[in-house]
Amino acid sequence: MRCGPGTAGAAVHGSPAGLVRSAAMGHPHERPVAKLRGHGGLQPRRRAGDLHHHGEVGREVRGLDEGFRLRQHRHRRNAFVHPPRQALMNRASATRRTSPASLPTRQTGIGLVELMVAIVIALFLVLAVASIYLNVRATSAAQDNLAQLQDSERLALTLVTTTLQSAGYFVDPTKDTAATALPATTISREDGGSTTFEAGQPVVGTGDGKGRGSNGDTIAVQYQTARNDGLMNCLGGTNTTQETAVFSNYFAVNANSELTCTVGNGSPQVLSGNIDRMSVAYGTDTDGDGALDTYLPASAVQAAGLWGGVHTVRVSVWFLDTIKSLPGKPVPLAFPVVQTIDLMNRS
C-alpha cells in the first residue's frame, strides 16, 4: 500500500485492529485507537479523513451527554414550573435575612394639622345642622301663626256678620212695630260705658273711622227673640226662658288689641286677638227716598240724625300680621278684612 508523495516507495503494514504503520517502523503492540478514552469526558473533534469508531467511545460520550441534559432539564423545571413557589421562597428567605432594627419606622397618631382640619369640618357640620333646624322651626312657627290668624279672621267675621244681620228683627210684625218691639233703652255696661237706643233703632255706633285700639269705632245692635227660636247673640246664647226678649250686642276693641262683645249689661268677652282697630261705615239714605246714598262714619250719622236711614253696615277689622312684620319695626303690619252686611228689613 502506498500513500502520498512523501511516502513514495514506502511500504506500510496493516493490522487486524485497524492500525496503519510504515513498514520501517515495525509492528509495535499498541492498543487500538478505539480503546482510548477522551479527556474529561469530551468527545474529540472529528476531522475529514479520520477513522471513526462507533463503539465504546460513542456510547460513553452519549451517556455523558444524556446525564448533562437530564440535570439541565430538572433545573429548568424547578425554575419555571413553580415560579410562585420559588418567589415565595425567595421572599421568605429575604425576610429572614432582614433584621427588624433595619426596617424603617412609621409615625403613628394624629398630628396637629389633622386635628385642626377635623375640628373645622365638625364646626361646619354643626352650623349646617343648626341652620336647618332654625329654618324648620321658623317655618313651623310662621305656619302656626298663619293658621291662628286665619282662625281669628273667620271667628270674628262670622260672629259680627251673624249678629248684625239680625239687627232690627222682631218676632210678630202683625202684632208689633219696630218701635213697640224695640223700645228706647240705655244699657250700662260693666266697663263703665253705656249704649243708648232710640225706639225702633236697630243700630248705633261711635267713632269717626280713624281711631285705633280702644279709641277706634264701636257698634251696637239690638233685636227681639222668642223663646227657643234659636236666634243667638254674639256670645252664642239663646232665649230659653222668656216669651220674647231683646238682645243688645256691643262690639269694640280693647286696649289689649282684642275684639270684644258685650251682651246687655254684662262683661266684655274676647272674640279674637291681634286686632289693630275696627272701623265702621254706615250705608245711609240721606234724602228719604228709601235708597242708599252714601257711607258715613258714626259721628256723621249721629250729627245728621240719620240712624233711622241706615240700610247697610260696612265693617273693616284690621288684623295684626306678625308674619309679615318689617325687620327692625316693633309694630307688626296690619291689614283689613272688610265685610258689608245688610240689615234686616232695611235693604
C-alpha atoms as a PDB file:
ATOM      1  CA  MET A   1       0.000   0.000   0.000  1.00  0.00           C
ATOM      2  CA  ARG A   2       1.350   3.491  -0.855  1.00  0.00           C
ATOM      3  CA  CYS A   3       0.496   6.958   0.445  1.00  0.00           C
ATOM      4  CA  GLY A   4       1.182  10.464  -0.837  1.00  0.00           C
ATOM      5  CA  PRO A   5       4.245  11.905  -2.499  1.00  0.00           C
ATOM      6  CA  GLY A   6       6.287  11.989   0.667  1.00  0.00           C
ATOM      7  CA  THR A   7       5.983   8.324   1.077  1.00  0.00           C
ATOM      8  CA  ALA A   8       6.804   7.234  -2.392  1.00  0.00           C
ATOM      9  CA  GLY A   9       8.072   3.753  -2.440  1.00  0.00           C
ATOM     10  CA  ALA A  10       7.447   3.240   1.271  1.00  0.00           C
ATOM     11  CA  ALA A  11       5.719   0.118   2.345  1.00  0.00           C
ATOM     12  CA  VAL A  12       3.050   0.141   5.048  1.00  0.00           C
ATOM     13  CA  HIS A  13       1.570  -2.566   7.115  1.00  0.00           C
ATOM     14  CA  GLY A  14      -1.997  -3.028   8.295  1.00  0.00           C
ATOM     15  CA  SER A  15      -3.133  -4.896  11.296  1.00  0.00           C
ATOM     16  CA  PRO A  16      -6.368  -6.649  12.225  1.00  0.00           C
ATOM     17  CA  ALA A  17      -7.061  -3.889  14.774  1.00  0.00           C
ATOM     18  CA  GLY A  18      -7.101  -1.272  12.032  1.00  0.00           C
ATOM     19  CA  LEU A  19      -3.597   0.179  12.684  1.00  0.00           C
ATOM     20  CA  VAL A  20      -1.550   1.567   9.798  1.00  0.00           C
ATOM     21  CA  ARG A  21       2.211   1.873  10.165  1.00  0.00           C
ATOM     22  CA  SER A  22       5.171   2.236   7.931  1.00  0.00           C
ATOM     23  CA  ALA A  23       6.995  -0.930   7.263  1.00  0.00           C
ATOM     24  CA  ALA A  24      10.175   0.670   8.523  1.00  0.00           C
ATOM     25  CA  MET A  25       8.633   1.214  11.953  1.00  0.00           C
ATOM     26  CA  GLY A  26       7.971  -2.400  12.509  1.00  0.00           C
ATOM     27  CA  HIS A  27       4.966  -3.889  14.255  1.00  0.00           C
ATOM     28  CA  PRO A  28       4.739  -2.496  17.788  1.00  0.00           C
ATOM     29  CA  HIS A  29       1.994  -3.788  20.001  1.00  0.00           C
ATOM     30  CA  GLU A  30      -0.137  -0.736  20.689  1.00  0.00           C
ATOM     31  CA  ARG A  31      -3.742  -0.778  21.713  1.00  0.00           C
ATOM     32  CA  PRO A  32      -6.200   0.305  19.149  1.00  0.00           C
ATOM     33  CA  VAL A  33      -7.309   3.878  18.943  1.00  0.00           C
ATOM     34  CA  ALA A  34     -10.846   2.780  19.689  1.00  0.00           C
ATOM     35  CA  LYS A  35      -9.719   1.815  23.177  1.00  0.00           C
ATOM     36  CA  LEU A  36      -8.609   5.381  24.050  1.00  0.00           C
ATOM     37  CA  ARG A  37     -10.851   7.441  26.351  1.00  0.00           C
ATOM     38  CA  GLY A  38     -11.472  11.083  25.785  1.00  0.00           C
ATOM     39  CA  HIS A  39     -10.041  13.640  28.173  1.00  0.00           C
ATOM     40  CA  GLY A  40     -12.584  14.933  30.715  1.00  0.00           C
ATOM     41  CA  GLY A  41     -15.436  13.128  29.072  1.00  0.00           C
ATOM     42  CA  LEU A  42     -15.172  15.356  25.969  1.00  0.00           C
ATOM     43  CA  GLN A  43     -15.682  13.978  22.547  1.00  0.00           C
ATOM     44  CA  PRO A  44     -12.712  14.720  20.232  1.00  0.00           C
ATOM     45  CA  ARG A  45     -13.393  16.883  17.252  1.00  0.00           C
ATOM     46  CA  ARG A  46     -13.784  14.977  14.091  1.00  0.00           C
ATOM     47  CA  ARG A  47     -11.693  15.809  11.036  1.00  0.00           C
ATOM     48  CA  ALA A  48     -12.031  14.817   7.482  1.00  0.00           C
ATOM     49  CA  GLY A  49     -10.099  11.640   6.746  1.00  0.00           C
ATOM     50  CA  ASP A  50     -10.155  10.393  10.374  1.00  0.00           C
ATOM     51  CA  LEU A  51     -11.274   6.946  11.145  1.00  0.00           C
ATOM     52  CA  HIS A  52     -14.467   6.857  13.161  1.00  0.00           C
ATOM     53  CA  HIS A  53     -15.298   4.189  15.675  1.00  0.00           C
ATOM     54  CA  HIS A  54     -18.844   3.877  16.878  1.00  0.00           C
ATOM     55  CA  GLY A  55     -18.195   1.504  19.625  1.00  0.00           C
ATOM     56  CA  GLU A  56     -17.484   2.072  23.273  1.00  0.00           C
ATOM     57  CA  VAL A  57     -16.303   5.671  22.870  1.00  0.00           C
ATOM     58  CA  GLY A  58     -19.577   6.732  21.293  1.00  0.00           C
ATOM     59  CA  ARG A  59     -21.594   5.014  23.941  1.00  0.00           C
ATOM     60  CA  GLU A  60     -19.662   6.677  26.781  1.00  0.00           C
ATOM     61  CA  VAL A  61     -19.914  10.130  25.224  1.00  0.00           C
ATOM     62  CA  ARG A  62     -23.598   9.690  24.636  1.00  0.00           C
ATOM     63  CA  GLY A  63     -24.025   8.608  28.257  1.00  0.00           C
ATOM     64  CA  LEU A  64     -22.293  11.770  29.465  1.00  0.00           C
ATOM     65  CA  ASP A  65     -24.482  13.979  27.223  1.00  0.00           C
ATOM     66  CA  GLU A  66     -27.661  12.288  28.400  1.00  0.00           C
ATOM     67  CA  GLY A  67     -26.790  12.852  32.076  1.00  0.00           C
ATOM     68  CA  PHE A  68     -25.991  16.519  31.465  1.00  0.00           C
ATOM     69  CA  ARG A  69     -29.211  17.099  29.590  1.00  0.00           C
ATOM     70  CA  LEU A  70     -31.215  15.348  32.334  1.00  0.00           C
ATOM     71  CA  ARG A  71     -29.751  17.577  35.049  1.00  0.00           C
ATOM     72  CA  GLN A  72     -30.322  20.690  32.959  1.00  0.00           C
ATOM     73  CA  HIS A  73     -33.935  19.676  32.331  1.00  0.00           C
ATOM     74  CA  ARG A  74     -34.592  19.194  36.048  1.00  0.00           C
ATOM     75  CA  HIS A  75     -33.081  22.589  36.839  1.00  0.00           C
ATOM     76  CA  ARG A  76     -35.273  24.337  34.288  1.00  0.00           C
ATOM     77  CA  ARG A  77     -38.391  22.523  35.507  1.00  0.00           C
ATOM     78  CA  ASN A  78     -37.767  23.633  39.064  1.00  0.00           C
ATOM     79  CA  ALA A  79     -37.175  27.189  37.902  1.00  0.00           C
ATOM     80  CA  PHE A  80     -40.170  27.626  35.570  1.00  0.00           C
ATOM     81  CA  VAL A  81     -42.856  25.130  36.513  1.00  0.00           C
ATOM     82  CA  HIS A  82     -43.348  26.629  40.022  1.00  0.00           C
ATOM     83  CA  PRO A  83     -42.453  30.351  39.779  1.00  0.00           C
ATOM     84  CA  PRO A  84     -44.922  31.450  42.519  1.00  0.00           C
ATOM     85  CA  ARG A  85     -43.497  28.940  44.969  1.00  0.00           C
ATOM     86  CA  GLN A  86     -39.988  29.985  44.114  1.00  0.00           C
ATOM     87  CA  ALA A  87     -40.927  33.667  44.567  1.00  0.00           C
ATOM     88  CA  LEU A  88     -42.436  32.928  47.975  1.00  0.00           C
ATOM     89  CA  MET A  89     -39.330  31.017  48.985  1.00  0.00           C
ATOM     90  CA  ASN A  90     -37.119  33.893  47.860  1.00  0.00           C
ATOM     91  CA  ARG A  91     -39.298  36.405  49.734  1.00  0.00           C
ATOM     92  CA  ALA A  92     -39.289  34.313  52.906  1.00  0.00           C
ATOM     93  CA  SER A  93     -35.548  33.987  52.662  1.00  0.00           C
ATOM     94  CA  ALA A  94     -35.175  37.732  52.204  1.00  0.00           C
ATOM     95  CA  THR A  95     -37.494  38.346  55.152  1.00  0.00           C
ATOM     96  CA  ARG A  96     -35.475  36.065  57.373  1.00  0.00           C
ATOM     97  CA  ARG A  97     -32.335  37.847  56.356  1.00  0.00           C
ATOM     98  CA  THR A  98     -33.815  41.299  57.136  1.00  0.00           C
ATOM     99  CA  SER A  99     -33.278  42.497  60.672  1.00  0.00           C
ATOM    100  CA  PRO A 100     -36.219  44.282  62.450  1.00  0.00           C
ATOM    101  CA  ALA A 101     -33.859  47.010  63.504  1.00  0.00           C
ATOM    102  CA  SER A 102     -33.069  47.794  59.866  1.00  0.00           C
ATOM    103  CA  LEU A 103     -36.771  48.333  58.894  1.00  0.00           C
ATOM    104  CA  PRO A 104     -37.906  51.996  58.539  1.00  0.00           C
ATOM    105  CA  THR A 105     -40.058  53.235  61.423  1.00  0.00           C
ATOM    106  CA  ARG A 106     -43.564  54.660  60.667  1.00  0.00           C
ATOM    107  CA  GLN A 107     -45.071  57.542  62.662  1.00  0.00           C
ATOM    108  CA  THR A 108     -48.473  56.778  64.262  1.00  0.00           C
ATOM    109  CA  GLY A 109     -51.213  59.011  65.806  1.00  0.00           C
ATOM    110  CA  ILE A 110     -52.927  62.271  64.703  1.00  0.00           C
ATOM    111  CA  GLY A 111     -50.985  65.412  64.061  1.00  0.00           C
ATOM    112  CA  LEU A 112     -51.991  68.972  64.939  1.00  0.00           C
ATOM    113  CA  VAL A 113     -52.910  69.829  61.346  1.00  0.00           C
ATOM    114  CA  GLU A 114     -55.184  66.798  61.032  1.00  0.00           C
ATOM    115  CA  LEU A 115     -56.831  67.650  64.345  1.00  0.00           C
ATOM    116  CA  MET A 116     -57.494  71.269  63.306  1.00  0.00           C
ATOM    117  CA  VAL A 117     -58.947  70.167  59.960  1.00  0.00           C
ATOM    118  CA  ALA A 118     -61.264  67.729  61.734  1.00  0.00           C
ATOM    119  CA  ILE A 119     -62.419  70.466  64.142  1.00  0.00           C
ATOM    120  CA  VAL A 120     -63.157  72.874  61.272  1.00  0.00           C
ATOM    121  CA  ILE A 121     -65.157  70.230  59.395  1.00  0.00           C
ATOM    122  CA  ALA A 122     -67.097  69.395  62.564  1.00  0.00           C
ATOM    123  CA  LEU A 123     -67.907  73.092  63.108  1.00  0.00           C
ATOM    124  CA  PHE A 124     -69.224  73.426  59.567  1.00  0.00           C
ATOM    125  CA  LEU A 125     -71.414  70.371  60.069  1.00  0.00           C
ATOM    126  CA  VAL A 126     -72.775  71.748  63.348  1.00  0.00           C
ATOM    127  CA  LEU A 127     -73.526  75.109  61.719  1.00  0.00           C
ATOM    128  CA  ALA A 128     -75.317  73.397  58.821  1.00  0.00           C
ATOM    129  CA  VAL A 129     -77.467  71.302  61.151  1.00  0.00           C
ATOM    130  CA  ALA A 130     -78.249  74.339  63.327  1.00  0.00           C
ATOM    131  CA  SER A 131     -79.216  76.390  60.262  1.00  0.00           C
ATOM    132  CA  ILE A 132     -81.556  73.658  59.033  1.00  0.00           C
ATOM    133  CA  TYR A 133     -83.127  73.363  62.485  1.00  0.00           C
ATOM    134  CA  LEU A 134     -83.679  77.117  62.793  1.00  0.00           C
ATOM    135  CA  ASN A 135     -85.199  77.326  59.312  1.00  0.00           C
ATOM    136  CA  VAL A 136     -87.567  74.456  60.028  1.00  0.00           C
ATOM    137  CA  ARG A 137     -88.521  75.992  63.357  1.00  0.00           C
ATOM    138  CA  ALA A 138     -89.142  79.411  61.800  1.00  0.00           C
ATOM    139  CA  THR A 139     -91.246  77.871  59.035  1.00  0.00           C
ATOM    140  CA  SER A 140     -93.282  75.904  61.550  1.00  0.00           C
ATOM    141  CA  ALA A 141     -93.833  78.999  63.696  1.00  0.00           C
ATOM    142  CA  ALA A 142     -94.911  81.017  60.647  1.00  0.00           C
ATOM    143  CA  GLN A 143     -97.388  78.321  59.650  1.00  0.00           C
ATOM    144  CA  ASP A 144     -98.812  78.208  63.184  1.00  0.00           C
ATOM    145  CA  ASN A 145     -99.190  81.993  63.259  1.00  0.00           C
ATOM    146  CA  LEU A 146    -100.868  81.968  59.869  1.00  0.00           C
ATOM    147  CA  ALA A 147    -103.311  79.272  60.981  1.00  0.00           C
ATOM    148  CA  GLN A 148    -104.164  81.217  64.149  1.00  0.00           C
ATOM    149  CA  LEU A 149    -104.625  84.403  62.141  1.00  0.00           C
ATOM    150  CA  GLN A 150    -106.979  82.717  59.707  1.00  0.00           C
ATOM    151  CA  ASP A 151    -108.968  81.183  62.561  1.00  0.00           C
ATOM    152  CA  SER A 152    -109.269  84.585  64.211  1.00  0.00           C
ATOM    153  CA  GLU A 153    -110.472  86.152  60.981  1.00  0.00           C
ATOM    154  CA  ARG A 154    -113.137  83.524  60.416  1.00  0.00           C
ATOM    155  CA  LEU A 155    -114.409  83.603  64.003  1.00  0.00           C
ATOM    156  CA  ALA A 156    -114.557  87.372  64.279  1.00  0.00           C
ATOM    157  CA  LEU A 157    -116.240  87.968  60.945  1.00  0.00           C
ATOM    158  CA  THR A 158    -118.704  85.103  61.416  1.00  0.00           C
ATOM    159  CA  LEU A 159    -119.885  86.409  64.790  1.00  0.00           C
ATOM    160  CA  VAL A 160    -120.053  90.028  63.661  1.00  0.00           C
ATOM    161  CA  THR A 161    -121.851  89.165  60.414  1.00  0.00           C
ATOM    162  CA  THR A 162    -124.416  86.854  62.043  1.00  0.00           C
ATOM    163  CA  THR A 163    -125.204  89.360  64.783  1.00  0.00           C
ATOM    164  CA  LEU A 164    -125.503  92.413  62.525  1.00  0.00           C
ATOM    165  CA  GLN A 165    -127.736  90.576  60.058  1.00  0.00           C
ATOM    166  CA  SER A 166    -130.316  90.165  62.852  1.00  0.00           C
ATOM    167  CA  ALA A 167    -130.381  93.879  63.731  1.00  0.00           C
ATOM    168  CA  GLY A 168    -133.945  95.240  63.829  1.00  0.00           C
ATOM    169  CA  TYR A 169    -135.633  91.838  63.832  1.00  0.00           C
ATOM    170  CA  PHE A 170    -138.807  91.369  65.933  1.00  0.00           C
ATOM    171  CA  VAL A 171    -140.996  88.323  66.378  1.00  0.00           C
ATOM    172  CA  ASP A 172    -144.556  89.258  65.286  1.00  0.00           C
ATOM    173  CA  PRO A 173    -144.822  92.048  62.717  1.00  0.00           C
ATOM    174  CA  THR A 174    -148.625  91.631  62.706  1.00  0.00           C
ATOM    175  CA  LYS A 175    -148.788  92.498  66.369  1.00  0.00           C
ATOM    176  CA  ASP A 176    -145.845  94.835  66.911  1.00  0.00           C
ATOM    177  CA  THR A 177    -143.986  97.559  65.109  1.00  0.00           C
ATOM    178  CA  ALA A 178    -140.258  98.235  65.309  1.00  0.00           C
ATOM    179  CA  ALA A 179    -140.881 100.992  67.837  1.00  0.00           C
ATOM    180  CA  THR A 180    -143.017  98.809  70.128  1.00  0.00           C
ATOM    181  CA  ALA A 181    -140.904  95.684  69.767  1.00  0.00           C
ATOM    182  CA  LEU A 182    -137.650  97.626  70.260  1.00  0.00           C
ATOM    183  CA  PRO A 183    -138.388 100.413  72.742  1.00  0.00           C
ATOM    184  CA  ALA A 184    -135.915 103.161  73.632  1.00  0.00           C
ATOM    185  CA  THR A 185    -133.381 101.982  76.193  1.00  0.00           C
ATOM    186  CA  THR A 186    -129.991 102.763  77.699  1.00  0.00           C
ATOM    187  CA  ILE A 187    -127.757  99.869  78.650  1.00  0.00           C
ATOM    188  CA  SER A 188    -124.985 100.414  81.201  1.00  0.00           C
ATOM    189  CA  ARG A 189    -122.032  98.075  80.750  1.00  0.00           C
ATOM    190  CA  GLU A 190    -119.578  96.740  83.310  1.00  0.00           C
ATOM    191  CA  ASP A 191    -116.731  98.533  81.580  1.00  0.00           C
ATOM    192  CA  GLY A 192    -118.298 101.842  82.660  1.00  0.00           C
ATOM    193  CA  GLY A 193    -119.776 102.773  79.304  1.00  0.00           C
ATOM    194  CA  SER A 194    -123.375 102.853  78.149  1.00  0.00           C
ATOM    195  CA  THR A 195    -125.309 102.302  74.957  1.00  0.00           C
ATOM    196  CA  THR A 196    -128.487 104.241  74.155  1.00  0.00           C
ATOM    197  CA  PHE A 197    -131.036 103.124  71.562  1.00  0.00           C
ATOM    198  CA  GLU A 198    -133.898 105.231  70.314  1.00  0.00           C
ATOM    199  CA  ALA A 199    -137.282 103.475  69.898  1.00  0.00           C
ATOM    200  CA  GLY A 200    -137.167 101.204  66.873  1.00  0.00           C
ATOM    201  CA  GLN A 201    -133.483 101.952  66.300  1.00  0.00           C
ATOM    202  CA  PRO A 202    -131.665  98.746  65.267  1.00  0.00           C
ATOM    203  CA  VAL A 203    -128.076 100.010  65.236  1.00  0.00           C
ATOM    204  CA  VAL A 204    -125.976 102.689  66.901  1.00  0.00           C
ATOM    205  CA  GLY A 205    -122.274 103.380  66.936  1.00  0.00           C
ATOM    206  CA  THR A 206    -119.466 105.724  67.863  1.00  0.00           C
ATOM    207  CA  GLY A 207    -116.264 106.923  66.229  1.00  0.00           C
ATOM    208  CA  ASP A 208    -115.104 108.651  63.103  1.00  0.00           C
ATOM    209  CA  GLY A 209    -113.383 105.690  61.455  1.00  0.00           C
ATOM    210  CA  LYS A 210    -109.859 106.912  62.287  1.00  0.00           C
ATOM    211  CA  GLY A 211    -109.193 105.730  65.811  1.00  0.00           C
ATOM    212  CA  ARG A 212    -107.063 102.725  66.747  1.00  0.00           C
ATOM    213  CA  GLY A 213    -107.399 100.186  69.506  1.00  0.00           C
ATOM    214  CA  SER A 214    -109.709 101.235  72.286  1.00  0.00           C
ATOM    215  CA  ASN A 215    -110.036 104.633  70.589  1.00  0.00           C
ATOM    216  CA  GLY A 216    -111.490 103.066  67.465  1.00  0.00           C
ATOM    217  CA  ASP A 217    -115.080 102.714  66.343  1.00  0.00           C
ATOM    218  CA  THR A 218    -117.755 100.803  68.229  1.00  0.00           C
ATOM    219  CA  ILE A 219    -121.062  99.398  67.085  1.00  0.00           C
ATOM    220  CA  ALA A 220    -124.133  98.073  68.906  1.00  0.00           C
ATOM    221  CA  VAL A 221    -127.202  96.325  67.504  1.00  0.00           C
ATOM    222  CA  GLN A 222    -130.436  95.040  69.029  1.00  0.00           C
ATOM    223  CA  TYR A 223    -133.211  92.621  68.008  1.00  0.00           C
ATOM    224  CA  GLN A 224    -136.092  90.720  69.543  1.00  0.00           C
ATOM    225  CA  THR A 225    -136.178  86.945  70.053  1.00  0.00           C
ATOM    226  CA  ALA A 226    -138.836  84.392  71.005  1.00  0.00           C
ATOM    227  CA  ARG A 227    -138.482  81.540  73.429  1.00  0.00           C
ATOM    228  CA  ASN A 228    -136.435  78.704  71.905  1.00  0.00           C
ATOM    229  CA  ASP A 229    -136.341  80.243  68.424  1.00  0.00           C
ATOM    230  CA  GLY A 230    -132.594  79.561  68.204  1.00  0.00           C
ATOM    231  CA  LEU A 231    -131.621  83.154  67.449  1.00  0.00           C
ATOM    232  CA  MET A 232    -128.227  83.702  69.102  1.00  0.00           C
ATOM    233  CA  ASN A 233    -126.455  86.721  70.492  1.00  0.00           C
ATOM    234  CA  CYS A 234    -122.785  87.475  69.853  1.00  0.00           C
ATOM    235  CA  LEU A 235    -121.715  85.059  72.603  1.00  0.00           C
ATOM    236  CA  GLY A 236    -123.775  82.156  71.283  1.00  0.00           C
ATOM    237  CA  GLY A 237    -126.576  82.418  73.854  1.00  0.00           C
ATOM    238  CA  THR A 238    -130.280  81.976  73.038  1.00  0.00           C
ATOM    239  CA  ASN A 239    -133.605  82.879  74.696  1.00  0.00           C
ATOM    240  CA  THR A 240    -134.841  79.814  76.574  1.00  0.00           C
ATOM    241  CA  THR A 241    -136.991  81.381  79.349  1.00  0.00           C
ATOM    242  CA  GLN A 242    -138.907  84.488  78.223  1.00  0.00           C
ATOM    243  CA  GLU A 243    -141.739  84.626  75.725  1.00  0.00           C
ATOM    244  CA  THR A 244    -139.903  87.474  73.989  1.00  0.00           C
ATOM    245  CA  ALA A 245    -136.586  89.078  74.841  1.00  0.00           C
ATOM    246  CA  VAL A 246    -134.427  91.818  73.358  1.00  0.00           C
ATOM    247  CA  PHE A 247    -130.721  91.110  72.805  1.00  0.00           C
ATOM    248  CA  SER A 248    -128.345  94.046  72.617  1.00  0.00           C
ATOM    249  CA  ASN A 249    -124.815  93.310  71.356  1.00  0.00           C
ATOM    250  CA  TYR A 250    -121.926  95.736  71.696  1.00  0.00           C
ATOM    251  CA  PHE A 251    -118.660  95.299  69.716  1.00  0.00           C
ATOM    252  CA  ALA A 252    -115.407  97.131  70.493  1.00  0.00           C
ATOM    253  CA  VAL A 253    -111.611  96.703  70.523  1.00  0.00           C
ATOM    254  CA  ASN A 254    -109.960  96.952  73.941  1.00  0.00           C
ATOM    255  CA  ALA A 255    -106.507  98.172  74.955  1.00  0.00           C
ATOM    256  CA  ASN A 256    -105.065  94.665  74.529  1.00  0.00           C
ATOM    257  CA  SER A 257    -105.824  94.615  70.779  1.00  0.00           C
ATOM    258  CA  GLU A 258    -108.720  92.210  71.304  1.00  0.00           C
ATOM    259  CA  LEU A 259    -112.140  92.305  69.696  1.00  0.00           C
ATOM    260  CA  THR A 260    -114.757  92.021  72.436  1.00  0.00           C
ATOM    261  CA  CYS A 261    -118.512  91.612  72.604  1.00  0.00           C
ATOM    262  CA  THR A 262    -120.828  92.586  75.442  1.00  0.00           C
ATOM    263  CA  VAL A 263    -124.398  91.265  75.737  1.00  0.00           C
ATOM    264  CA  GLY A 264    -126.751  93.619  77.623  1.00  0.00           C
ATOM    265  CA  ASN A 265    -125.146  94.947  80.767  1.00  0.00           C
ATOM    266  CA  GLY A 266    -122.727  92.027  81.095  1.00  0.00           C
ATOM    267  CA  SER A 267    -118.944  91.977  80.956  1.00  0.00           C
ATOM    268  CA  PRO A 268    -116.970  92.128  77.683  1.00  0.00           C
ATOM    269  CA  GLN A 269    -115.926  88.770  76.256  1.00  0.00           C
ATOM    270  CA  VAL A 270    -112.945  88.353  73.934  1.00  0.00           C
ATOM    271  CA  LEU A 271    -113.786  87.090  70.464  1.00  0.00           C
ATOM    272  CA  SER A 272    -110.429  87.408  68.716  1.00  0.00           C
ATOM    273  CA  GLY A 273    -106.905  88.674  69.336  1.00  0.00           C
ATOM    274  CA  ASN A 274    -104.292  90.516  67.252  1.00  0.00           C
ATOM    275  CA  ILE A 275    -106.733  93.295  66.301  1.00  0.00           C
ATOM    276  CA  ASP A 276    -105.271  96.685  65.496  1.00  0.00           C
ATOM    277  CA  ARG A 277    -108.551  98.553  65.096  1.00  0.00           C
ATOM    278  CA  MET A 278    -112.125  98.368  63.842  1.00  0.00           C
ATOM    279  CA  SER A 279    -113.729 100.967  61.610  1.00  0.00           C
ATOM    280  CA  VAL A 280    -117.434 101.053  60.742  1.00  0.00           C
ATOM    281  CA  ALA A 281    -119.147 102.922  57.901  1.00  0.00           C
ATOM    282  CA  TYR A 282    -122.931 103.118  57.595  1.00  0.00           C
ATOM    283  CA  GLY A 283    -124.743 102.996  54.267  1.00  0.00           C
ATOM    284  CA  THR A 284    -127.318 105.762  54.729  1.00  0.00           C
ATOM    285  CA  ASP A 285    -130.350 107.125  52.900  1.00  0.00           C
ATOM    286  CA  THR A 286    -129.739 110.852  53.145  1.00  0.00           C
ATOM    287  CA  ASP A 287    -132.723 112.144  51.098  1.00  0.00           C
ATOM    288  CA  GLY A 288    -135.506 109.870  52.389  1.00  0.00           C
ATOM    289  CA  ASP A 289    -136.262 108.124  49.087  1.00  0.00           C
ATOM    290  CA  GLY A 290    -135.573 104.675  50.572  1.00  0.00           C
ATOM    291  CA  ALA A 291    -132.378 104.126  48.589  1.00  0.00           C
ATOM    292  CA  LEU A 292    -128.837 104.031  49.912  1.00  0.00           C
ATOM    293  CA  ASP A 293    -126.952 107.179  49.041  1.00  0.00           C
ATOM    294  CA  THR A 294    -123.566 107.114  50.798  1.00  0.00           C
ATOM    295  CA  TYR A 295    -121.443 105.597  53.545  1.00  0.00           C
ATOM    296  CA  LEU A 296    -120.848 107.767  56.588  1.00  0.00           C
ATOM    297  CA  PRO A 297    -118.984 107.278  59.870  1.00  0.00           C
ATOM    298  CA  ALA A 298    -120.938 107.080  63.113  1.00  0.00           C
ATOM    299  CA  SER A 299    -120.085 110.642  64.063  1.00  0.00           C
ATOM    300  CA  ALA A 300    -121.615 111.994  60.818  1.00  0.00           C
ATOM    301  CA  VAL A 301    -124.725 109.816  61.113  1.00  0.00           C
ATOM    302  CA  GLN A 302    -125.227 110.941  64.720  1.00  0.00           C
ATOM    303  CA  ALA A 303    -124.790 114.588  63.815  1.00  0.00           C
ATOM    304  CA  ALA A 304    -127.326 114.353  60.970  1.00  0.00           C
ATOM    305  CA  GLY A 305    -129.786 112.210  62.939  1.00  0.00           C
ATOM    306  CA  LEU A 306    -129.862 109.595  60.233  1.00  0.00           C
ATOM    307  CA  TRP A 307    -129.853 106.385  62.311  1.00  0.00           C
ATOM    308  CA  GLY A 308    -133.289 105.550  61.033  1.00  0.00           C
ATOM    309  CA  GLY A 309    -131.998 105.727  57.466  1.00  0.00           C
ATOM    310  CA  VAL A 310    -129.160 103.196  57.871  1.00  0.00           C
ATOM    311  CA  HIS A 311    -129.567 100.292  55.431  1.00  0.00           C
ATOM    312  CA  THR A 312    -126.191  98.553  55.467  1.00  0.00           C
ATOM    313  CA  VAL A 313    -123.078  98.435  57.615  1.00  0.00           C
ATOM    314  CA  ARG A 314    -119.542  98.084  56.267  1.00  0.00           C
ATOM    315  CA  VAL A 315    -117.211  96.701  58.948  1.00  0.00           C
ATOM    316  CA  SER A 316    -113.430  96.749  58.483  1.00  0.00           C
ATOM    317  CA  VAL A 317    -111.440  94.775  61.048  1.00  0.00           C
ATOM    318  CA  TRP A 318    -107.678  95.390  60.910  1.00  0.00           C
ATOM    319  CA  PHE A 319    -105.717  92.296  61.951  1.00  0.00           C
ATOM    320  CA  LEU A 320    -102.119  92.423  63.113  1.00  0.00           C
ATOM    321  CA  ASP A 321     -99.965  90.275  60.837  1.00  0.00           C
ATOM    322  CA  THR A 322     -96.962  89.123  62.858  1.00  0.00           C
ATOM    323  CA  ILE A 323     -95.693  87.043  59.924  1.00  0.00           C
ATOM    324  CA  LYS A 324     -95.133  89.973  57.545  1.00  0.00           C
ATOM    325  CA  SER A 325     -93.604  92.337  60.094  1.00  0.00           C
ATOM    326  CA  LEU A 326     -90.851  94.517  58.720  1.00  0.00           C
ATOM    327  CA  PRO A 327     -87.302  93.931  60.064  1.00  0.00           C
ATOM    328  CA  GLY A 328     -86.480  96.389  62.837  1.00  0.00           C
ATOM    329  CA  LYS A 329     -90.093  97.505  63.212  1.00  0.00           C
ATOM    330  CA  PRO A 330     -91.575  96.739  66.647  1.00  0.00           C
ATOM    331  CA  VAL A 331     -95.160  97.219  65.446  1.00  0.00           C
ATOM    332  CA  PRO A 332     -96.474  94.431  63.177  1.00  0.00           C
ATOM    333  CA  LEU A 333     -98.192  95.230  59.929  1.00  0.00           C
ATOM    334  CA  ALA A 334    -101.979  95.419  59.892  1.00  0.00           C
ATOM    335  CA  PHE A 335    -104.303  94.531  57.050  1.00  0.00           C
ATOM    336  CA  PRO A 336    -108.080  94.967  56.861  1.00  0.00           C
ATOM    337  CA  VAL A 337    -110.757  92.357  56.350  1.00  0.00           C
ATOM    338  CA  VAL A 338    -113.880  94.089  55.074  1.00  0.00           C
ATOM    339  CA  GLN A 339    -117.439  92.770  55.290  1.00  0.00           C
ATOM    340  CA  THR A 340    -120.583  94.567  54.098  1.00  0.00           C
ATOM    341  CA  ILE A 341    -123.761  93.453  55.903  1.00  0.00           C
ATOM    342  CA  ASP A 342    -127.371  94.233  55.010  1.00  0.00           C
ATOM    343  CA  LEU A 343    -129.663  94.993  57.936  1.00  0.00           C
ATOM    344  CA  MET A 344    -132.919  93.064  58.233  1.00  0.00           C
ATOM    345  CA  ASN A 345    -135.995  94.766  56.685  1.00  0.00           C
ATOM    346  CA  ARG A 346    -133.816  97.709  55.524  1.00  0.00           C
ATOM    347  CA  SER A 347    -132.136  96.691  52.276  1.00  0.00           C
END
